[in-house]
Amino acid sequence: MSVAPGYFLLVLGAIVLVTGLYLLTSHTMRKDLLIGRLMLVYGVMMLILGTGMLVRVFPMMQGSSLSGAVMLATGAAMLYSGFEMVRM
């Protein structure tokens, strides 16, 4: 079994934490282009993770089917939101 999916999840978590700290410390939301691009990256990562959960690449997770489906829906919503933010 490969440890790559575990590292992928670790990197995703670190990126989300760093972005959250950045948003907490920023005083304006004029950086919509940067946030939109980050949403696109998160959306792609969520789609990859959701697909991996559905095809059982991550067998150590409980409820992989339901979690994978929710992850796919969240990833698609993030992609849509990111495209709208970048397009403006």
Protein backbone atom coordinates (compact mmCIF):
# COMPACT_ATOMS: atom_id res chain seq x y z
CA MET A 1 0.00 0.00 0.00
CA SER A 2 1.32 3.39 -0.96
CA VAL A 3 1.73 6.23 1.51
CA ALA A 4 1.23 8.85 -1.22
CA PRO A 5 -2.51 9.36 -0.48
CA GLY A 6 -1.67 10.07 3.16
CA TYR A 7 0.88 12.68 2.16
CA PHE A 8 -1.65 14.17 -0.28
CA LEU A 9 -4.18 14.55 2.56
CA LEU A 10 -1.50 16.07 4.80
CA VAL A 11 -0.56 18.64 2.15
CA LEU A 12 -4.22 19.52 1.56
CA GLY A 13 -4.75 20.05 5.28
CA ALA A 14 -1.64 22.24 5.56
CA ILE A 15 -2.70 24.36 2.58
CA VAL A 16 -6.19 24.86 4.02
CA LEU A 17 -4.75 25.88 7.41
CA VAL A 18 -2.33 28.37 5.87
CA THR A 19 -5.10 29.87 3.76
CA GLY A 20 -7.37 30.13 6.78
CA LEU A 21 -4.70 31.96 8.75
CA TYR A 22 -4.10 34.25 5.78
CA LEU A 23 -7.80 35.11 5.54
CA LEU A 24 -8.01 35.74 9.29
CA THR A 25 -5.12 38.20 9.17
CA SER A 26 -6.10 40.00 5.97
CA HIS A 27 -8.03 43.20 6.49
CA THR A 28 -9.68 43.43 3.10
CA MET A 29 -11.23 40.99 0.71
CA ARG A 30 -9.87 42.81 -2.34
CA LYS A 31 -7.73 39.77 -3.08
CA ASP A 32 -10.62 37.94 -4.77
CA LEU A 33 -8.38 36.78 -7.63
CA LEU A 34 -5.99 35.02 -5.25
CA ILE A 35 -8.83 33.45 -3.27
CA GLY A 36 -10.55 32.41 -6.51
CA ARG A 37 -7.41 30.66 -7.70
CA LEU A 38 -7.04 28.92 -4.35
CA MET A 39 -10.65 27.77 -4.61
CA LEU A 40 -9.85 26.25 -8.00
CA VAL A 41 -6.86 24.38 -6.54
CA TYR A 42 -8.92 23.16 -3.58
CA GLY A 43 -11.71 22.06 -5.91
CA VAL A 44 -9.35 19.97 -8.03
CA MET A 45 -7.81 18.43 -4.90
CA MET A 46 -11.25 17.61 -3.53
CA LEU A 47 -12.25 15.94 -6.80
CA ILE A 48 -9.09 13.82 -6.75
CA LEU A 49 -9.62 12.85 -3.11
CA GLY A 50 -13.31 12.11 -3.63
CA THR A 51 -12.55 9.87 -6.57
CA GLY A 52 -9.86 8.12 -4.53
CA MET A 53 -12.34 7.49 -1.74
CA LEU A 54 -14.96 6.08 -4.09
CA VAL A 55 -12.50 3.65 -5.74
CA ARG A 56 -11.11 2.66 -2.32
CA VAL A 57 -7.61 4.14 -2.69
CA PHE A 58 -7.99 5.19 0.96
CA PRO A 59 -9.16 1.93 2.61
CA MET A 60 -8.32 3.21 6.09
CA MET A 61 -11.17 5.72 6.05
CA GLN A 62 -14.56 4.81 7.43
CA GLY A 63 -17.55 5.43 5.19
CA SER A 64 -15.48 6.02 2.07
CA SER A 65 -18.46 5.95 -0.30
CA LEU A 66 -20.48 8.64 1.47
CA SER A 67 -17.39 10.75 2.23
CA GLY A 68 -16.23 10.42 -1.38
CA ALA A 69 -19.58 11.51 -2.76
CA VAL A 70 -19.69 14.54 -0.44
CA MET A 71 -16.07 15.36 -1.34
CA LEU A 72 -16.95 15.27 -5.07
CA ALA A 73 -19.92 17.57 -4.54
CA THR A 74 -17.83 19.97 -2.45
CA GLY A 75 -15.05 19.94 -5.04
CA ALA A 76 -17.48 20.75 -7.83
CA ALA A 77 -18.96 23.61 -5.79
CA MET A 78 -15.48 24.96 -5.06
CA LEU A 79 -14.57 24.85 -8.75
CA TYR A 80 -17.74 26.74 -9.63
CA SER A 81 -17.12 29.33 -6.93
CA GLY A 82 -13.48 29.73 -7.94
CA PHE A 83 -14.36 30.21 -11.61
CA GLU A 84 -16.91 32.87 -10.67
CA MET A 85 -14.38 34.72 -8.50
CA VAL A 86 -11.64 34.62 -11.14
CA ARG A 87 -14.00 35.63 -13.95
CA MET A 88 -15.13 38.85 -12.23
